[in-house]
Amino acid sequence: MNAPALPWALHLHSLHAAAWQHLARGVHDRHAPARHPTLATVTPDGRPALRTVVLRSADKASGMLEIHTDLNSAKVAQLRANPAAALHIWDARTHLQMRLRASATLHHGPEVAQTWARVPEAARQSYGIQPAPGQPIPEGLAYHKHPDPAAFAVLRLWLTEMDILHLGPEHRRARFTQATNWAGEWLAP
């Protein structure tokens, strides 16, 4: 059974605002669906690559989302070759799907030192794994965690398009683009 129509899903402006509220909640609430979106990148041979990431920042005014990663991860190499990225978020409670297209920029070294300083000690274990993430190892635990600020990177995803779908009694779908200053238009679901 579909979810009842929610007031924020009835109008373009409120649907767009609700999407950003979901993103902001994902930054601060580790149980929110937007906390762990799926990030898509393009491999060198043109195939999609997907992984779950942690949303660290969402800035509606600039249209920017931020995630942290190991500088030696495959996603970094893929985004250096092709900065096109996409995020997917599904909120089962509100029946909301968000597909977000973006262009990624990579930041590391001294320019992210202040961000690294705010990363909790337990989370720092994810940056500096040896061998590098994705490399073959002889058995499941044949790797070492060495927190390394030189391996810490910030990916900023500059949104270019938001495709928002609410699966209520009457499905509503809209596209918002940077090119139209996020004005939005309804799409057939």
C-alpha atoms as a PDB file:
ATOM      1  CA  MET A   1       0.000   0.000   0.000  1.00  0.00           C
ATOM      2  CA  ASN A   2       1.311   3.436  -0.884  1.00  0.00           C
ATOM      3  CA  ALA A   3       1.962   6.132   1.665  1.00  0.00           C
ATOM      4  CA  PRO A   4      -0.637   8.880   2.042  1.00  0.00           C
ATOM      5  CA  ALA A   5       0.063  12.128   0.243  1.00  0.00           C
ATOM      6  CA  LEU A   6       2.304  14.274   2.363  1.00  0.00           C
ATOM      7  CA  PRO A   7       1.766  18.047   2.137  1.00  0.00           C
ATOM      8  CA  TRP A   8       5.390  18.707   1.143  1.00  0.00           C
ATOM      9  CA  ALA A   9       5.000  16.440  -1.910  1.00  0.00           C
ATOM     10  CA  LEU A  10       2.182  18.482  -3.446  1.00  0.00           C
ATOM     11  CA  HIS A  11       4.161  21.492  -4.724  1.00  0.00           C
ATOM     12  CA  LEU A  12       7.508  21.956  -6.443  1.00  0.00           C
ATOM     13  CA  HIS A  13       8.903  24.402  -3.890  1.00  0.00           C
ATOM     14  CA  SER A  14       7.965  22.269  -0.883  1.00  0.00           C
ATOM     15  CA  LEU A  15       9.211  19.052  -2.520  1.00  0.00           C
ATOM     16  CA  HIS A  16      12.586  20.695  -3.169  1.00  0.00           C
ATOM     17  CA  ALA A  17      12.709  22.005   0.400  1.00  0.00           C
ATOM     18  CA  ALA A  18      11.829  18.550   1.767  1.00  0.00           C
ATOM     19  CA  ALA A  19      14.656  16.971  -0.228  1.00  0.00           C
ATOM     20  CA  TRP A  20      17.138  19.393   1.341  1.00  0.00           C
ATOM     21  CA  GLN A  21      15.656  18.760   4.795  1.00  0.00           C
ATOM     22  CA  HIS A  22      16.276  15.038   4.255  1.00  0.00           C
ATOM     23  CA  LEU A  23      19.871  15.776   3.231  1.00  0.00           C
ATOM     24  CA  ALA A  24      20.474  18.050   6.232  1.00  0.00           C
ATOM     25  CA  ARG A  25      19.038  15.408   8.561  1.00  0.00           C
ATOM     26  CA  GLY A  26      21.409  12.851   7.034  1.00  0.00           C
ATOM     27  CA  VAL A  27      24.396  14.945   8.067  1.00  0.00           C
ATOM     28  CA  HIS A  28      23.348  15.102  11.729  1.00  0.00           C
ATOM     29  CA  ASP A  29      21.295  11.944  12.331  1.00  0.00           C
ATOM     30  CA  ARG A  30      23.147   8.660  11.858  1.00  0.00           C
ATOM     31  CA  HIS A  31      19.812   6.830  11.564  1.00  0.00           C
ATOM     32  CA  ALA A  32      18.431   9.044   8.770  1.00  0.00           C
ATOM     33  CA  PRO A  33      18.233   7.441   5.311  1.00  0.00           C
ATOM     34  CA  ALA A  34      20.284  10.256   3.765  1.00  0.00           C
ATOM     35  CA  ARG A  35      23.162   9.507   6.155  1.00  0.00           C
ATOM     36  CA  HIS A  36      24.327   6.604   3.952  1.00  0.00           C
ATOM     37  CA  PRO A  37      23.614   7.371   0.301  1.00  0.00           C
ATOM     38  CA  THR A  38      24.872   5.265  -2.580  1.00  0.00           C
ATOM     39  CA  LEU A  39      27.555   7.055  -4.595  1.00  0.00           C
ATOM     40  CA  ALA A  40      27.987   6.210  -8.288  1.00  0.00           C
ATOM     41  CA  THR A  41      31.101   6.974 -10.298  1.00  0.00           C
ATOM     42  CA  VAL A  42      32.340   5.885 -13.725  1.00  0.00           C
ATOM     43  CA  THR A  43      35.198   3.382 -14.113  1.00  0.00           C
ATOM     44  CA  PRO A  44      37.947   3.945 -16.707  1.00  0.00           C
ATOM     45  CA  ASP A  45      36.202   1.457 -19.016  1.00  0.00           C
ATOM     46  CA  GLY A  46      32.916   3.392 -18.766  1.00  0.00           C
ATOM     47  CA  ARG A  47      31.038   1.133 -16.352  1.00  0.00           C
ATOM     48  CA  PRO A  48      29.184   2.348 -13.262  1.00  0.00           C
ATOM     49  CA  ALA A  49      30.724   1.758  -9.832  1.00  0.00           C
ATOM     50  CA  LEU A  50      28.590   1.995  -6.697  1.00  0.00           C
ATOM     51  CA  ARG A  51      29.351   2.160  -3.008  1.00  0.00           C
ATOM     52  CA  THR A  52      27.744   3.376   0.201  1.00  0.00           C
ATOM     53  CA  VAL A  53      29.242   6.550   1.660  1.00  0.00           C
ATOM     54  CA  VAL A  54      28.583   8.768   4.674  1.00  0.00           C
ATOM     55  CA  LEU A  55      27.115  12.211   4.071  1.00  0.00           C
ATOM     56  CA  ARG A  56      29.195  14.736   6.047  1.00  0.00           C
ATOM     57  CA  SER A  57      27.824  18.091   4.876  1.00  0.00           C
ATOM     58  CA  ALA A  58      24.886  19.458   2.888  1.00  0.00           C
ATOM     59  CA  ASP A  59      24.754  23.102   1.859  1.00  0.00           C
ATOM     60  CA  LYS A  60      21.593  24.113   0.031  1.00  0.00           C
ATOM     61  CA  ALA A  61      22.822  27.648  -0.760  1.00  0.00           C
ATOM     62  CA  SER A  62      25.774  26.361  -2.787  1.00  0.00           C
ATOM     63  CA  GLY A  63      24.194  23.067  -3.869  1.00  0.00           C
ATOM     64  CA  MET A  64      27.105  21.134  -2.357  1.00  0.00           C
ATOM     65  CA  LEU A  65      27.281  17.802  -0.552  1.00  0.00           C
ATOM     66  CA  GLU A  66      30.421  16.503   1.097  1.00  0.00           C
ATOM     67  CA  ILE A  67      31.776  13.042   1.843  1.00  0.00           C
ATOM     68  CA  HIS A  68      35.123  11.867   3.200  1.00  0.00           C
ATOM     69  CA  THR A  69      37.248   9.140   1.645  1.00  0.00           C
ATOM     70  CA  ASP A  70      40.668   7.548   1.538  1.00  0.00           C
ATOM     71  CA  LEU A  71      42.797   9.304  -1.071  1.00  0.00           C
ATOM     72  CA  ASN A  72      43.933   5.880  -2.339  1.00  0.00           C
ATOM     73  CA  SER A  73      40.424   4.532  -2.986  1.00  0.00           C
ATOM     74  CA  ALA A  74      39.163   3.618  -6.450  1.00  0.00           C
ATOM     75  CA  LYS A  75      36.458   6.299  -6.287  1.00  0.00           C
ATOM     76  CA  VAL A  76      39.138   8.998  -6.063  1.00  0.00           C
ATOM     77  CA  ALA A  77      40.936   7.704  -9.159  1.00  0.00           C
ATOM     78  CA  GLN A  78      37.611   7.412 -10.982  1.00  0.00           C
ATOM     79  CA  LEU A  79      36.577  10.964 -10.090  1.00  0.00           C
ATOM     80  CA  ARG A  80      39.968  12.330 -11.088  1.00  0.00           C
ATOM     81  CA  ALA A  81      39.477  10.781 -14.535  1.00  0.00           C
ATOM     82  CA  ASN A  82      35.794  11.742 -14.778  1.00  0.00           C
ATOM     83  CA  PRO A  83      34.248  14.065 -12.157  1.00  0.00           C
ATOM     84  CA  ALA A  84      30.689  12.941 -12.980  1.00  0.00           C
ATOM     85  CA  ALA A  85      29.001  11.416  -9.940  1.00  0.00           C
ATOM     86  CA  ALA A  86      25.534  10.553  -8.719  1.00  0.00           C
ATOM     87  CA  LEU A  87      23.967   9.821  -5.342  1.00  0.00           C
ATOM     88  CA  HIS A  88      20.902   7.707  -4.634  1.00  0.00           C
ATOM     89  CA  ILE A  89      18.864   7.916  -1.433  1.00  0.00           C
ATOM     90  CA  TRP A  90      15.719   5.960  -0.555  1.00  0.00           C
ATOM     91  CA  ASP A  91      13.605   6.865   2.469  1.00  0.00           C
ATOM     92  CA  ALA A  92      11.187   3.982   3.046  1.00  0.00           C
ATOM     93  CA  ARG A  93       9.297   5.806   5.806  1.00  0.00           C
ATOM     94  CA  THR A  94       8.295   8.752   3.612  1.00  0.00           C
ATOM     95  CA  HIS A  95       8.407   6.846   0.304  1.00  0.00           C
ATOM     96  CA  LEU A  96      10.873   9.341  -1.103  1.00  0.00           C
ATOM     97  CA  GLN A  97      13.571   8.585  -3.661  1.00  0.00           C
ATOM     98  CA  MET A  98      16.286  11.109  -4.487  1.00  0.00           C
ATOM     99  CA  ARG A  99      18.611  10.737  -7.471  1.00  0.00           C
ATOM    100  CA  LEU A 100      21.219  13.468  -7.446  1.00  0.00           C
ATOM    101  CA  ARG A 101      23.694  14.241 -10.228  1.00  0.00           C
ATOM    102  CA  ALA A 102      26.869  16.132  -9.430  1.00  0.00           C
ATOM    103  CA  SER A 103      30.327  17.155 -10.486  1.00  0.00           C
ATOM    104  CA  ALA A 104      32.945  16.212  -7.893  1.00  0.00           C
ATOM    105  CA  THR A 105      35.985  18.114  -6.719  1.00  0.00           C
ATOM    106  CA  LEU A 106      38.732  16.512  -4.635  1.00  0.00           C
ATOM    107  CA  HIS A 107      40.385  18.215  -1.680  1.00  0.00           C
ATOM    108  CA  HIS A 108      43.277  16.849   0.411  1.00  0.00           C
ATOM    109  CA  GLY A 109      46.452  17.803   2.238  1.00  0.00           C
ATOM    110  CA  PRO A 110      46.733  21.147   4.029  1.00  0.00           C
ATOM    111  CA  GLU A 111      43.433  22.431   2.620  1.00  0.00           C
ATOM    112  CA  VAL A 112      41.505  19.797   4.649  1.00  0.00           C
ATOM    113  CA  ALA A 113      43.638  19.870   7.811  1.00  0.00           C
ATOM    114  CA  GLN A 114      40.883  21.606   9.805  1.00  0.00           C
ATOM    115  CA  THR A 115      38.372  18.985   8.684  1.00  0.00           C
ATOM    116  CA  TRP A 116      40.779  16.165   9.661  1.00  0.00           C
ATOM    117  CA  ALA A 117      41.142  17.747  13.106  1.00  0.00           C
ATOM    118  CA  ARG A 118      37.377  17.296  13.646  1.00  0.00           C
ATOM    119  CA  VAL A 119      37.316  13.631  12.538  1.00  0.00           C
ATOM    120  CA  PRO A 120      36.823  11.417  15.621  1.00  0.00           C
ATOM    121  CA  GLU A 121      39.733   9.110  16.445  1.00  0.00           C
ATOM    122  CA  ALA A 122      37.693   5.973  15.718  1.00  0.00           C
ATOM    123  CA  ALA A 123      36.717   7.296  12.266  1.00  0.00           C
ATOM    124  CA  ARG A 124      40.332   8.171  11.423  1.00  0.00           C
ATOM    125  CA  GLN A 125      40.991   4.437  11.205  1.00  0.00           C
ATOM    126  CA  SER A 126      39.319   4.477   7.778  1.00  0.00           C
ATOM    127  CA  TYR A 127      41.994   6.679   6.201  1.00  0.00           C
ATOM    128  CA  GLY A 128      45.383   5.093   5.610  1.00  0.00           C
ATOM    129  CA  ILE A 129      44.553   1.386   5.367  1.00  0.00           C
ATOM    130  CA  GLN A 130      47.450  -0.748   4.067  1.00  0.00           C
ATOM    131  CA  PRO A 131      47.358  -2.106   1.492  1.00  0.00           C
ATOM    132  CA  ALA A 132      45.220   0.557  -0.174  1.00  0.00           C
ATOM    133  CA  PRO A 133      41.439   0.022  -0.314  1.00  0.00           C
ATOM    134  CA  GLY A 134      40.389  -2.462  -2.985  1.00  0.00           C
ATOM    135  CA  GLN A 135      43.785  -4.133  -3.324  1.00  0.00           C
ATOM    136  CA  PRO A 136      43.912  -7.957  -3.195  1.00  0.00           C
ATOM    137  CA  ILE A 137      44.888  -9.505   0.143  1.00  0.00           C
ATOM    138  CA  PRO A 138      45.614 -13.170   0.971  1.00  0.00           C
ATOM    139  CA  GLU A 139      42.893 -13.438   3.633  1.00  0.00           C
ATOM    140  CA  GLY A 140      39.993 -11.408   5.011  1.00  0.00           C
ATOM    141  CA  LEU A 141      41.890  -9.533   7.719  1.00  0.00           C
ATOM    142  CA  ALA A 142      45.305  -9.182   6.041  1.00  0.00           C
ATOM    143  CA  TYR A 143      45.323  -5.391   6.224  1.00  0.00           C
ATOM    144  CA  HIS A 144      46.453  -2.792   8.751  1.00  0.00           C
ATOM    145  CA  LYS A 145      44.828   0.421   9.844  1.00  0.00           C
ATOM    146  CA  HIS A 146      47.239   3.323  10.155  1.00  0.00           C
ATOM    147  CA  PRO A 147      45.351   6.624  10.503  1.00  0.00           C
ATOM    148  CA  ASP A 148      47.105   8.969   8.123  1.00  0.00           C
ATOM    149  CA  PRO A 149      46.025  12.563   7.470  1.00  0.00           C
ATOM    150  CA  ALA A 150      47.874  12.363   4.131  1.00  0.00           C
ATOM    151  CA  ALA A 151      45.389   9.668   3.041  1.00  0.00           C
ATOM    152  CA  PHE A 152      42.352  11.725   4.058  1.00  0.00           C
ATOM    153  CA  ALA A 153      40.359  13.365   1.274  1.00  0.00           C
ATOM    154  CA  VAL A 154      37.161  15.387   1.065  1.00  0.00           C
ATOM    155  CA  LEU A 155      34.925  14.979  -1.956  1.00  0.00           C
ATOM    156  CA  ARG A 156      32.651  17.915  -2.649  1.00  0.00           C
ATOM    157  CA  LEU A 157      29.728  17.040  -4.872  1.00  0.00           C
ATOM    158  CA  TRP A 158      28.375  20.119  -6.641  1.00  0.00           C
ATOM    159  CA  LEU A 159      24.813  19.227  -7.556  1.00  0.00           C
ATOM    160  CA  THR A 160      23.678  19.819 -11.109  1.00  0.00           C
ATOM    161  CA  GLU A 161      20.354  17.951 -10.997  1.00  0.00           C
ATOM    162  CA  MET A 162      17.940  16.561  -8.417  1.00  0.00           C
ATOM    163  CA  ASP A 163      15.348  13.985  -9.528  1.00  0.00           C
ATOM    164  CA  ILE A 164      12.873  13.601  -6.660  1.00  0.00           C
ATOM    165  CA  LEU A 165      10.133  10.933  -6.626  1.00  0.00           C
ATOM    166  CA  HIS A 166       7.445  10.596  -3.952  1.00  0.00           C
ATOM    167  CA  LEU A 167       5.540   7.312  -4.096  1.00  0.00           C
ATOM    168  CA  GLY A 168       2.307   8.424  -2.462  1.00  0.00           C
ATOM    169  CA  PRO A 169      -1.233   7.400  -3.496  1.00  0.00           C
ATOM    170  CA  GLU A 170      -0.566   9.500  -6.585  1.00  0.00           C
ATOM    171  CA  HIS A 171       3.102   9.383  -7.477  1.00  0.00           C
ATOM    172  CA  ARG A 172       4.781  12.742  -7.968  1.00  0.00           C
ATOM    173  CA  ARG A 173       8.154  13.252  -9.592  1.00  0.00           C
ATOM    174  CA  ALA A 174      10.062  16.450 -10.227  1.00  0.00           C
ATOM    175  CA  ARG A 175      13.420  17.508 -11.618  1.00  0.00           C
ATOM    176  CA  PHE A 176      15.345  20.491 -10.281  1.00  0.00           C
ATOM    177  CA  THR A 177      18.445  21.704 -12.093  1.00  0.00           C
ATOM    178  CA  GLN A 178      21.187  24.148 -11.332  1.00  0.00           C
ATOM    179  CA  ALA A 179      20.747  25.517 -14.877  1.00  0.00           C
ATOM    180  CA  THR A 180      17.236  26.743 -13.969  1.00  0.00           C
ATOM    181  CA  ASN A 181      18.319  28.010 -10.542  1.00  0.00           C
ATOM    182  CA  TRP A 182      16.491  25.010  -9.039  1.00  0.00           C
ATOM    183  CA  ALA A 183      13.068  26.189 -10.311  1.00  0.00           C
ATOM    184  CA  GLY A 184      11.879  22.637 -10.919  1.00  0.00           C
ATOM    185  CA  GLU A 185       9.484  20.947 -13.300  1.00  0.00           C
ATOM    186  CA  TRP A 186       7.108  18.045 -12.886  1.00  0.00           C
ATOM    187  CA  LEU A 187       7.939  14.771 -14.653  1.00  0.00           C
ATOM    188  CA  ALA A 188       5.815  11.741 -15.337  1.00  0.00           C
ATOM    189  CA  PRO A 189       6.661   9.221 -12.627  1.00  0.00           C
END
